[in-house]
């Protein structure tokens, strides 16, 4: 893996993990606070952060896929992973296994 590919892989990994964590926090903490304790601001602010990270994730998938020469199915899996709880973590684990290297 050359330097440019490694740069894209590391960038994608960190954005992916941040987006996945923000989604879990939104679902596991902010939503219960909103509906269980009538605290809608948690969803407002964490939802905004998650939305921004989601957009950045989608934006970074395509240059990363080009740089690392992902197949269509791997790129599609990366996009689907963004909308599933734990999806980015599962995708990262799958990517690490297939690349045989830790970023």
PDB file of N, CA and C in Angstrom:
ATOM      1  N   UNK A   1       0.851  -1.170   0.000  1.00  0.00           N
ATOM      2  CA  UNK A   1       0.000   0.000   0.000  1.00  0.00           C
ATOM      3  C   UNK A   1       0.896   1.232   0.000  1.00  0.00           C
ATOM      4  N   UNK A   2       0.697   2.085  -0.998  1.00  0.00           N
ATOM      5  CA  UNK A   2       1.543   3.278  -1.075  1.00  0.00           C
ATOM      6  C   UNK A   2       1.058   4.353  -0.090  1.00  0.00           C
ATOM      7  N   UNK A   3       1.798   5.436  -0.037  1.00  0.00           N
ATOM      8  CA  UNK A   3       1.529   6.489   0.949  1.00  0.00           C
ATOM      9  C   UNK A   3       0.157   7.143   0.751  1.00  0.00           C
ATOM     10  N   UNK A   4      -0.222   7.386  -0.492  1.00  0.00           N
ATOM     11  CA  UNK A   4      -1.525   8.000  -0.777  1.00  0.00           C
ATOM     12  C   UNK A   4      -2.672   7.081  -0.372  1.00  0.00           C
ATOM     13  N   UNK A   5      -2.542   5.801  -0.670  1.00  0.00           N
ATOM     14  CA  UNK A   5      -3.579   4.838  -0.288  1.00  0.00           C
ATOM     15  C   UNK A   5      -3.693   4.740   1.227  1.00  0.00           C
ATOM     16  N   UNK A   6      -2.564   4.737   1.894  1.00  0.00           N
ATOM     17  CA  UNK A   6      -2.568   4.662   3.354  1.00  0.00           C
ATOM     18  C   UNK A   6      -3.232   5.894   3.959  1.00  0.00           C
ATOM     19  N   UNK A   7      -2.980   7.054   3.366  1.00  0.00           N
ATOM     20  CA  UNK A   7      -3.593   8.295   3.839  1.00  0.00           C
ATOM     21  C   UNK A   7      -5.119   8.219   3.717  1.00  0.00           C
ATOM     22  N   UNK A   8      -5.617   7.772   2.560  1.00  0.00           N
ATOM     23  CA  UNK A   8      -7.063   7.653   2.366  1.00  0.00           C
ATOM     24  C   UNK A   8      -7.659   6.600   3.288  1.00  0.00           C
ATOM     25  N   UNK A   9      -6.950   5.499   3.483  1.00  0.00           N
ATOM     26  CA  UNK A   9      -7.452   4.428   4.349  1.00  0.00           C
ATOM     27  C   UNK A   9      -7.575   4.904   5.792  1.00  0.00           C
ATOM     28  N   UNK A  10      -6.562   5.604   6.285  1.00  0.00           N
ATOM     29  CA  UNK A  10      -6.602   6.117   7.660  1.00  0.00           C
ATOM     30  C   UNK A  10      -7.710   7.155   7.826  1.00  0.00           C
ATOM     31  N   UNK A  11      -7.818   8.055   6.858  1.00  0.00           N
ATOM     32  CA  UNK A  11      -8.857   9.083   6.912  1.00  0.00           C
ATOM     33  C   UNK A  11     -10.244   8.435   6.941  1.00  0.00           C
ATOM     34  N   UNK A  12     -10.448   7.474   6.058  1.00  0.00           N
ATOM     35  CA  UNK A  12     -11.739   6.799   6.001  1.00  0.00           C
ATOM     36  C   UNK A  12     -12.037   6.063   7.304  1.00  0.00           C
ATOM     37  N   UNK A  13     -11.036   5.402   7.856  1.00  0.00           N
ATOM     38  CA  UNK A  13     -11.253   4.650   9.090  1.00  0.00           C
ATOM     39  C   UNK A  13     -11.719   5.573  10.211  1.00  0.00           C
ATOM     40  N   UNK A  14     -11.065   6.702  10.401  1.00  0.00           N
ATOM     41  CA  UNK A  14     -11.415   7.601  11.502  1.00  0.00           C
ATOM     42  C   UNK A  14     -12.786   8.242  11.295  1.00  0.00           C
ATOM     43  N   UNK A  15     -13.076   8.624  10.068  1.00  0.00           N
ATOM     44  CA  UNK A  15     -14.398   9.198   9.784  1.00  0.00           C
ATOM     45  C   UNK A  15     -15.471   8.144   9.976  1.00  0.00           C
ATOM     46  N   UNK A  16     -15.193   6.934   9.528  1.00  0.00           N
ATOM     47  CA  UNK A  16     -16.140   5.830   9.662  1.00  0.00           C
ATOM     48  C   UNK A  16     -16.441   5.533  11.130  1.00  0.00           C
ATOM     49  N   UNK A  17     -15.414   5.446  11.935  1.00  0.00           N
ATOM     50  CA  UNK A  17     -15.610   5.146  13.355  1.00  0.00           C
ATOM     51  C   UNK A  17     -16.326   6.290  14.072  1.00  0.00           C
ATOM     52  N   UNK A  18     -16.010   7.533  13.719  1.00  0.00           N
ATOM     53  CA  UNK A  18     -16.698   8.681  14.333  1.00  0.00           C
ATOM     54  C   UNK A  18     -18.170   8.695  13.944  1.00  0.00           C
ATOM     55  N   UNK A  19     -18.466   8.416  12.674  1.00  0.00           N
ATOM     56  CA  UNK A  19     -19.854   8.392  12.214  1.00  0.00           C
ATOM     57  C   UNK A  19     -20.625   7.260  12.898  1.00  0.00           C
ATOM     58  N   UNK A  20     -20.014   6.099  13.002  1.00  0.00           N
ATOM     59  CA  UNK A  20     -20.663   4.966  13.669  1.00  0.00           C
ATOM     60  C   UNK A  20     -20.924   5.239  15.140  1.00  0.00           C
ATOM     61  N   UNK A  21     -19.961   5.839  15.816  1.00  0.00           N
ATOM     62  CA  UNK A  21     -20.138   6.167  17.229  1.00  0.00           C
ATOM     63  C   UNK A  21     -21.223   7.218  17.416  1.00  0.00           C
ATOM     64  N   UNK A  22     -21.260   8.216  16.547  1.00  0.00           N
ATOM     65  CA  UNK A  22     -22.295   9.250  16.671  1.00  0.00           C
ATOM     66  C   UNK A  22     -23.687   8.653  16.458  1.00  0.00           C
ATOM     67  N   UNK A  23     -23.800   7.696  15.554  1.00  0.00           N
ATOM     68  CA  UNK A  23     -25.087   7.037  15.310  1.00  0.00           C
ATOM     69  C   UNK A  23     -25.529   6.241  16.540  1.00  0.00           C
ATOM     70  N   UNK A  24     -24.593   5.509  17.134  1.00  0.00           N
ATOM     71  CA  UNK A  24     -24.928   4.738  18.338  1.00  0.00           C
ATOM     72  C   UNK A  24     -25.300   5.649  19.507  1.00  0.00           C
ATOM     73  N   UNK A  25     -24.602   6.759  19.652  1.00  0.00           N
ATOM     74  CA  UNK A  25     -24.943   7.714  20.711  1.00  0.00           C
ATOM     75  C   UNK A  25     -26.319   8.330  20.470  1.00  0.00           C
ATOM     76  N   UNK A  26     -26.607   8.617  19.209  1.00  0.00           N
ATOM     77  CA  UNK A  26     -27.915   9.166  18.867  1.00  0.00           C
ATOM     78  C   UNK A  26     -29.022   8.179  19.201  1.00  0.00           C
ATOM     79  N   UNK A  27     -28.834   6.920  18.807  1.00  0.00           N
ATOM     80  CA  UNK A  27     -29.866   5.912  19.059  1.00  0.00           C
ATOM     81  C   UNK A  27     -29.934   5.473  20.524  1.00  0.00           C
ATOM     82  N   UNK A  28     -28.775   5.348  21.154  1.00  0.00           N
ATOM     83  CA  UNK A  28     -28.733   4.780  22.500  1.00  0.00           C
ATOM     84  C   UNK A  28     -28.858   5.761  23.642  1.00  0.00           C
ATOM     85  N   UNK A  29     -28.527   7.014  23.410  1.00  0.00           N
ATOM     86  CA  UNK A  29     -28.578   7.994  24.497  1.00  0.00           C
ATOM     87  C   UNK A  29     -29.548   9.127  24.180  1.00  0.00           C
ATOM     88  N   UNK A  30     -29.363   9.771  23.030  1.00  0.00           N
ATOM     89  CA  UNK A  30     -30.172  10.951  22.715  1.00  0.00           C
ATOM     90  C   UNK A  30     -31.652  10.621  22.524  1.00  0.00           C
ATOM     91  N   UNK A  31     -31.949   9.549  21.801  1.00  0.00           N
ATOM     92  CA  UNK A  31     -33.363   9.197  21.579  1.00  0.00           C
ATOM     93  C   UNK A  31     -34.070   8.827  22.884  1.00  0.00           C
ATOM     94  N   UNK A  32     -33.467   8.007  23.750  1.00  0.00           N
ATOM     95  CA  UNK A  32     -34.122   7.747  25.036  1.00  0.00           C
ATOM     96  C   UNK A  32     -34.297   9.008  25.890  1.00  0.00           C
ATOM     97  N   UNK A  33     -33.326   9.927  25.835  1.00  0.00           N
ATOM     98  CA  UNK A  33     -33.481  11.178  26.576  1.00  0.00           C
ATOM     99  C   UNK A  33     -34.644  11.996  26.035  1.00  0.00           C
ATOM    100  N   UNK A  34     -34.806  12.003  24.718  1.00  0.00           N
ATOM    101  CA  UNK A  34     -35.888  12.775  24.120  1.00  0.00           C
ATOM    102  C   UNK A  34     -37.247  12.185  24.479  1.00  0.00           C
ATOM    103  N   UNK A  35     -37.411  10.903  24.271  1.00  0.00           N
ATOM    104  CA  UNK A  35     -38.732  10.299  24.446  1.00  0.00           C
ATOM    105  C   UNK A  35     -39.008   9.817  25.867  1.00  0.00           C
ATOM    106  N   UNK A  36     -37.973   9.505  26.625  1.00  0.00           N
ATOM    107  CA  UNK A  36     -38.179   9.028  27.989  1.00  0.00           C
ATOM    108  C   UNK A  36     -38.177  10.131  29.032  1.00  0.00           C
ATOM    109  N   UNK A  37     -37.386  11.170  28.775  1.00  0.00           N
ATOM    110  CA  UNK A  37     -37.222  12.226  29.772  1.00  0.00           C
ATOM    111  C   UNK A  37     -37.556  13.610  29.233  1.00  0.00           C
ATOM    112  N   UNK A  38     -38.181  13.670  28.085  1.00  0.00           N
ATOM    113  CA  UNK A  38     -38.605  14.925  27.463  1.00  0.00           C
ATOM    114  C   UNK A  38     -37.457  15.936  27.365  1.00  0.00           C
ATOM    115  N   UNK A  39     -36.328  15.457  26.814  1.00  0.00           N
ATOM    116  CA  UNK A  39     -35.151  16.307  26.612  1.00  0.00           C
ATOM    117  C   UNK A  39     -34.784  16.302  25.119  1.00  0.00           C
ATOM    118  N   UNK A  40     -35.507  17.066  24.305  1.00  0.00           N
ATOM    119  CA  UNK A  40     -35.280  17.012  22.852  1.00  0.00           C
ATOM    120  C   UNK A  40     -33.971  17.636  22.377  1.00  0.00           C
ATOM    121  N   UNK A  41     -33.323  18.424  23.203  1.00  0.00           N
ATOM    122  CA  UNK A  41     -32.079  19.066  22.760  1.00  0.00           C
ATOM    123  C   UNK A  41     -30.962  18.059  22.498  1.00  0.00           C
ATOM    124  N   UNK A  42     -30.999  16.934  23.207  1.00  0.00           N
ATOM    125  CA  UNK A  42     -29.976  15.910  22.965  1.00  0.00           C
ATOM    126  C   UNK A  42     -30.032  15.431  21.518  1.00  0.00           C
ATOM    127  N   UNK A  43     -31.231  15.192  21.016  1.00  0.00           N
ATOM    128  CA  UNK A  43     -31.384  14.744  19.626  1.00  0.00           C
ATOM    129  C   UNK A  43     -31.045  15.877  18.668  1.00  0.00           C
ATOM    130  N   UNK A  44     -31.426  17.086  19.024  1.00  0.00           N
ATOM    131  CA  UNK A  44     -31.158  18.222  18.137  1.00  0.00           C
ATOM    132  C   UNK A  44     -29.659  18.374  17.887  1.00  0.00           C
ATOM    133  N   UNK A  45     -28.868  18.407  18.938  1.00  0.00           N
ATOM    134  CA  UNK A  45     -27.435  18.645  18.781  1.00  0.00           C
ATOM    135  C   UNK A  45     -26.683  17.410  18.310  1.00  0.00           C
ATOM    136  N   UNK A  46     -26.949  16.270  18.913  1.00  0.00           N
ATOM    137  CA  UNK A  46     -26.260  15.060  18.485  1.00  0.00           C
ATOM    138  C   UNK A  46     -26.709  14.643  17.088  1.00  0.00           C
ATOM    139  N   UNK A  47     -27.969  14.895  16.767  1.00  0.00           N
ATOM    140  CA  UNK A  47     -28.455  14.617  15.422  1.00  0.00           C
ATOM    141  C   UNK A  47     -27.754  15.465  14.384  1.00  0.00           C
ATOM    142  N   UNK A  48     -27.500  16.715  14.709  1.00  0.00           N
ATOM    143  CA  UNK A  48     -26.781  17.596  13.800  1.00  0.00           C
ATOM    144  C   UNK A  48     -25.356  17.099  13.580  1.00  0.00           C
ATOM    145  N   UNK A  49     -24.683  16.725  14.661  1.00  0.00           N
ATOM    146  CA  UNK A  49     -23.312  16.217  14.559  1.00  0.00           C
ATOM    147  C   UNK A  49     -23.289  14.934  13.724  1.00  0.00           C
ATOM    148  N   UNK A  50     -24.218  14.034  14.023  1.00  0.00           N
ATOM    149  CA  UNK A  50     -24.273  12.786  13.266  1.00  0.00           C
ATOM    150  C   UNK A  50     -24.563  13.054  11.782  1.00  0.00           C
ATOM    151  N   UNK A  51     -25.462  13.952  11.506  1.00  0.00           N
ATOM    152  CA  UNK A  51     -25.777  14.280  10.118  1.00  0.00           C
ATOM    153  C   UNK A  51     -24.568  14.813   9.368  1.00  0.00           C
ATOM    154  N   UNK A  52     -23.810  15.670  10.005  1.00  0.00           N
ATOM    155  CA  UNK A  52     -22.600  16.211   9.375  1.00  0.00           C
ATOM    156  C   UNK A  52     -21.569  15.105   9.140  1.00  0.00           C
ATOM    157  N   UNK A  53     -21.389  14.232  10.130  1.00  0.00           N
ATOM    158  CA  UNK A  53     -20.447  13.123   9.970  1.00  0.00           C
ATOM    159  C   UNK A  53     -20.913  12.145   8.889  1.00  0.00           C
ATOM    160  N   UNK A  54     -22.218  11.942   8.785  1.00  0.00           N
ATOM    161  CA  UNK A  54     -22.763  11.064   7.752  1.00  0.00           C
ATOM    162  C   UNK A  54     -22.449  11.623   6.360  1.00  0.00           C
ATOM    163  N   UNK A  55     -22.634  12.913   6.180  1.00  0.00           N
ATOM    164  CA  UNK A  55     -22.345  13.542   4.886  1.00  0.00           C
ATOM    165  C   UNK A  55     -20.856  13.420   4.565  1.00  0.00           C
ATOM    166  N   UNK A  56     -20.002  13.661   5.545  1.00  0.00           N
ATOM    167  CA  UNK A  56     -18.557  13.535   5.327  1.00  0.00           C
ATOM    168  C   UNK A  56     -18.205  12.087   4.987  1.00  0.00           C
ATOM    169  N   UNK A  57     -18.820  11.134   5.677  1.00  0.00           N
ATOM    170  CA  UNK A  57     -18.577   9.712   5.410  1.00  0.00           C
ATOM    171  C   UNK A  57     -18.919   9.379   3.957  1.00  0.00           C
ATOM    172  N   UNK A  58     -20.099   9.770   3.514  1.00  0.00           N
ATOM    173  CA  UNK A  58     -20.521   9.482   2.145  1.00  0.00           C
ATOM    174  C   UNK A  58     -19.580  10.163   1.154  1.00  0.00           C
ATOM    175  N   UNK A  59     -19.165  11.372   1.460  1.00  0.00           N
ATOM    176  CA  UNK A  59     -18.259  12.112   0.595  1.00  0.00           C
ATOM    177  C   UNK A  59     -16.890  11.431   0.490  1.00  0.00           C
ATOM    178  N   UNK A  60     -16.422  10.802   1.559  1.00  0.00           N
ATOM    179  CA  UNK A  60     -15.093  10.195   1.589  1.00  0.00           C
ATOM    180  C   UNK A  60     -15.092   8.763   1.043  1.00  0.00           C
ATOM    181  N   UNK A  61     -16.241   8.107   1.007  1.00  0.00           N
ATOM    182  CA  UNK A  61     -16.291   6.727   0.510  1.00  0.00           C
ATOM    183  C   UNK A  61     -15.761   6.636  -0.918  1.00  0.00           C
ATOM    184  N   UNK A  62     -16.192   7.534  -1.787  1.00  0.00           N
ATOM    185  CA  UNK A  62     -15.860   7.400  -3.201  1.00  0.00           C
ATOM    186  C   UNK A  62     -14.374   7.621  -3.522  1.00  0.00           C
ATOM    187  N   UNK A  63     -13.727   8.673  -3.003  1.00  0.00           N
ATOM    188  CA  UNK A  63     -12.285   8.777  -3.279  1.00  0.00           C
ATOM    189  C   UNK A  63     -11.477   7.648  -2.633  1.00  0.00           C
ATOM    190  N   UNK A  64     -11.953   7.178  -1.474  1.00  0.00           N
ATOM    191  CA  UNK A  64     -11.269   6.055  -0.830  1.00  0.00           C
ATOM    192  C   UNK A  64     -11.404   4.801  -1.682  1.00  0.00           C
ATOM    193  N   UNK A  65     -12.607   4.555  -2.192  1.00  0.00           N
ATOM    194  CA  UNK A  65     -12.837   3.390  -3.044  1.00  0.00           C
ATOM    195  C   UNK A  65     -11.968   3.447  -4.303  1.00  0.00           C
ATOM    196  N   UNK A  66     -11.833   4.623  -4.885  1.00  0.00           N
ATOM    197  CA  UNK A  66     -10.975   4.759  -6.069  1.00  0.00           C
ATOM    198  C   UNK A  66      -9.511   4.537  -5.727  1.00  0.00           C
ATOM    199  N   UNK A  67      -9.072   5.127  -4.614  1.00  0.00           N
ATOM    200  CA  UNK A  67      -7.670   5.013  -4.222  1.00  0.00           C
ATOM    201  C   UNK A  67      -7.287   3.575  -3.870  1.00  0.00           C
ATOM    202  N   UNK A  68      -8.176   2.886  -3.161  1.00  0.00           N
ATOM    203  CA  UNK A  68      -7.874   1.518  -2.716  1.00  0.00           C
ATOM    204  C   UNK A  68      -8.351   0.460  -3.703  1.00  0.00           C
ATOM    205  N   UNK A  69      -8.939   0.905  -4.831  1.00  0.00           N
ATOM    206  CA  UNK A  69      -9.406   0.011  -5.889  1.00  0.00           C
ATOM    207  C   UNK A  69     -10.423  -1.010  -5.368  1.00  0.00           C
ATOM    208  N   UNK A  70     -11.426  -0.492  -4.645  1.00  0.00           N
ATOM    209  CA  UNK A  70     -12.488  -1.365  -4.160  1.00  0.00           C
ATOM    210  C   UNK A  70     -13.390  -1.788  -5.305  1.00  0.00           C
ATOM    211  N   UNK A  71     -13.967  -2.962  -5.164  1.00  0.00           N
ATOM    212  CA  UNK A  71     -14.955  -3.421  -6.128  1.00  0.00           C
ATOM    213  C   UNK A  71     -16.270  -2.673  -5.894  1.00  0.00           C
ATOM    214  N   UNK A  72     -17.195  -2.829  -6.836  1.00  0.00           N
ATOM    215  CA  UNK A  72     -18.508  -2.209  -6.668  1.00  0.00           C
ATOM    216  C   UNK A  72     -19.189  -2.730  -5.409  1.00  0.00           C
ATOM    217  N   UNK A  73     -19.098  -4.032  -5.162  1.00  0.00           N
ATOM    218  CA  UNK A  73     -19.783  -4.610  -3.996  1.00  0.00           C
ATOM    219  C   UNK A  73     -19.205  -4.085  -2.680  1.00  0.00           C
ATOM    220  N   UNK A  74     -17.900  -3.904  -2.610  1.00  0.00           N
ATOM    221  CA  UNK A  74     -17.290  -3.363  -1.387  1.00  0.00           C
ATOM    222  C   UNK A  74     -17.712  -1.910  -1.174  1.00  0.00           C
ATOM    223  N   UNK A  75     -17.739  -1.140  -2.241  1.00  0.00           N
ATOM    224  CA  UNK A  75     -18.179   0.255  -2.150  1.00  0.00           C
ATOM    225  C   UNK A  75     -19.646   0.320  -1.727  1.00  0.00           C
ATOM    226  N   UNK A  76     -20.466  -0.542  -2.297  1.00  0.00           N
ATOM    227  CA  UNK A  76     -21.879  -0.607  -1.926  1.00  0.00           C
ATOM    228  C   UNK A  76     -22.039  -0.992  -0.453  1.00  0.00           C
ATOM    229  N   UNK A  77     -21.243  -1.960   0.018  1.00  0.00           N
ATOM    230  CA  UNK A  77     -21.264  -2.374   1.417  1.00  0.00           C
ATOM    231  C   UNK A  77     -20.881  -1.204   2.323  1.00  0.00           C
ATOM    232  N   UNK A  78     -19.907  -0.395   1.897  1.00  0.00           N
ATOM    233  CA  UNK A  78     -19.505   0.782   2.684  1.00  0.00           C
ATOM    234  C   UNK A  78     -20.662   1.770   2.797  1.00  0.00           C
ATOM    235  N   UNK A  79     -21.405   1.955   1.712  1.00  0.00           N
ATOM    236  CA  UNK A  79     -22.542   2.877   1.733  1.00  0.00           C
ATOM    237  C   UNK A  79     -23.684   2.337   2.592  1.00  0.00           C
ATOM    238  N   UNK A  80     -23.965   1.057   2.491  1.00  0.00           N
ATOM    239  CA  UNK A  80     -25.023   0.454   3.304  1.00  0.00           C
ATOM    240  C   UNK A  80     -24.640   0.462   4.781  1.00  0.00           C
ATOM    241  N   UNK A  81     -23.364   0.262   5.066  1.00  0.00           N
ATOM    242  CA  UNK A  81     -22.898   0.237   6.457  1.00  0.00           C
ATOM    243  C   UNK A  81     -23.181   1.551   7.172  1.00  0.00           C
ATOM    244  N   UNK A  82     -23.227   2.644   6.439  1.00  0.00           N
ATOM    245  CA  UNK A  82     -23.444   3.957   7.047  1.00  0.00           C
ATOM    246  C   UNK A  82     -24.842   4.117   7.634  1.00  0.00           C
ATOM    247  N   UNK A  83     -25.790   3.343   7.167  1.00  0.00           N
ATOM    248  CA  UNK A  83     -27.168   3.506   7.643  1.00  0.00           C
ATOM    249  C   UNK A  83     -27.591   2.409   8.622  1.00  0.00           C
ATOM    250  N   UNK A  84     -26.680   1.528   8.979  1.00  0.00           N
ATOM    251  CA  UNK A  84     -26.987   0.450   9.920  1.00  0.00           C
ATOM    252  C   UNK A  84     -26.261   0.670  11.245  1.00  0.00           C
ATOM    253  N   UNK A  85     -26.939   0.447  12.367  1.00  0.00           N
ATOM    254  CA  UNK A  85     -26.219   0.498  13.639  1.00  0.00           C
ATOM    255  C   UNK A  85     -25.105  -0.555  13.627  1.00  0.00           C
ATOM    256  N   UNK A  86     -23.955  -0.208  14.063  1.00  0.00           N
ATOM    257  CA  UNK A  86     -22.751  -1.042  14.081  1.00  0.00           C
ATOM    258  C   UNK A  86     -22.190  -1.311  12.681  1.00  0.00           C
ATOM    259  N   UNK A  87     -22.831  -0.801  11.642  1.00  0.00           N
ATOM    260  CA  UNK A  87     -22.381  -1.032  10.271  1.00  0.00           C
ATOM    261  C   UNK A  87     -20.963  -0.572   9.998  1.00  0.00           C
ATOM    262  N   UNK A  88     -20.595   0.652  10.370  1.00  0.00           N
ATOM    263  CA  UNK A  88     -19.223   1.091  10.106  1.00  0.00           C
ATOM    264  C   UNK A  88     -18.173   0.241  10.832  1.00  0.00           C
ATOM    265  N   UNK A  89     -18.504  -0.257  12.009  1.00  0.00           N
ATOM    266  CA  UNK A  89     -17.559  -1.089  12.754  1.00  0.00           C
ATOM    267  C   UNK A  89     -17.382  -2.442  12.075  1.00  0.00           C
ATOM    268  N   UNK A  90     -18.478  -3.003  11.590  1.00  0.00           N
ATOM    269  CA  UNK A  90     -18.417  -4.281  10.888  1.00  0.00           C
ATOM    270  C   UNK A  90     -17.656  -4.110   9.572  1.00  0.00           C
ATOM    271  N   UNK A  91     -17.932  -3.029   8.864  1.00  0.00           N
ATOM    272  CA  UNK A  91     -17.223  -2.783   7.609  1.00  0.00           C
ATOM    273  C   UNK A  91     -15.730  -2.614   7.858  1.00  0.00           C
ATOM    274  N   UNK A  92     -15.359  -1.880   8.893  1.00  0.00           N
ATOM    275  CA  UNK A  92     -13.948  -1.673   9.212  1.00  0.00           C
ATOM    276  C   UNK A  92     -13.268  -3.003   9.519  1.00  0.00           C
ATOM    277  N   UNK A  93     -13.934  -3.840  10.276  1.00  0.00           N
ATOM    278  CA  UNK A  93     -13.370  -5.163  10.611  1.00  0.00           C
ATOM    279  C   UNK A  93     -13.194  -6.003   9.343  1.00  0.00           C
ATOM    280  N   UNK A  94     -14.207  -5.985   8.474  1.00  0.00           N
ATOM    281  CA  UNK A  94     -14.123  -6.711   7.208  1.00  0.00           C
ATOM    282  C   UNK A  94     -12.995  -6.171   6.341  1.00  0.00           C
ATOM    283  N   UNK A  95     -12.847  -4.871   6.315  1.00  0.00           N
ATOM    284  CA  UNK A  95     -11.802  -4.237   5.515  1.00  0.00           C
ATOM    285  C   UNK A  95     -10.412  -4.606   6.040  1.00  0.00           C
ATOM    286  N   UNK A  96     -10.257  -4.584   7.360  1.00  0.00           N
ATOM    287  CA  UNK A  96      -8.970  -4.952   7.945  1.00  0.00           C
ATOM    288  C   UNK A  96      -8.603  -6.398   7.627  1.00  0.00           C
ATOM    289  N   UNK A  97      -9.581  -7.293   7.667  1.00  0.00           N
ATOM    290  CA  UNK A  97      -9.309  -8.700   7.337  1.00  0.00           C
ATOM    291  C   UNK A  97      -8.900  -8.849   5.884  1.00  0.00           C
ATOM    292  N   UNK A  98      -9.599  -8.185   4.990  1.00  0.00           N
ATOM    293  CA  UNK A  98      -9.318  -8.343   3.563  1.00  0.00           C
ATOM    294  C   UNK A  98      -8.014  -7.659   3.152  1.00  0.00           C
ATOM    295  N   UNK A  99      -7.669  -6.560   3.796  1.00  0.00           N
ATOM    296  CA  UNK A  99      -6.442  -5.843   3.458  1.00  0.00           C
ATOM    297  C   UNK A  99      -5.230  -6.473   4.130  1.00  0.00           C
ATOM    298  N   UNK A 100      -5.459  -7.334   5.116  1.00  0.00           N
ATOM    299  CA  UNK A 100      -4.396  -8.019   5.855  1.00  0.00           C
ATOM    300  C   UNK A 100      -3.421  -7.037   6.506  1.00  0.00           C
ATOM    301  N   UNK A 101      -3.950  -5.861   6.840  1.00  0.00           N
ATOM    302  CA  UNK A 101      -3.120  -4.867   7.513  1.00  0.00           C
ATOM    303  C   UNK A 101      -4.016  -3.973   8.360  1.00  0.00           C
ATOM    304  N   UNK A 102      -3.486  -3.482   9.424  1.00  0.00           N
ATOM    305  CA  UNK A 102      -4.216  -2.539  10.275  1.00  0.00           C
ATOM    306  C   UNK A 102      -3.790  -1.144   9.888  1.00  0.00           C
ATOM    307  N   UNK A 103      -4.783  -0.268   9.718  1.00  0.00           N
ATOM    308  CA  UNK A 103      -4.492   1.116   9.339  1.00  0.00           C
ATOM    309  C   UNK A 103      -4.251   1.915  10.581  1.00  0.00           C
TER     310      UNK A 103
END
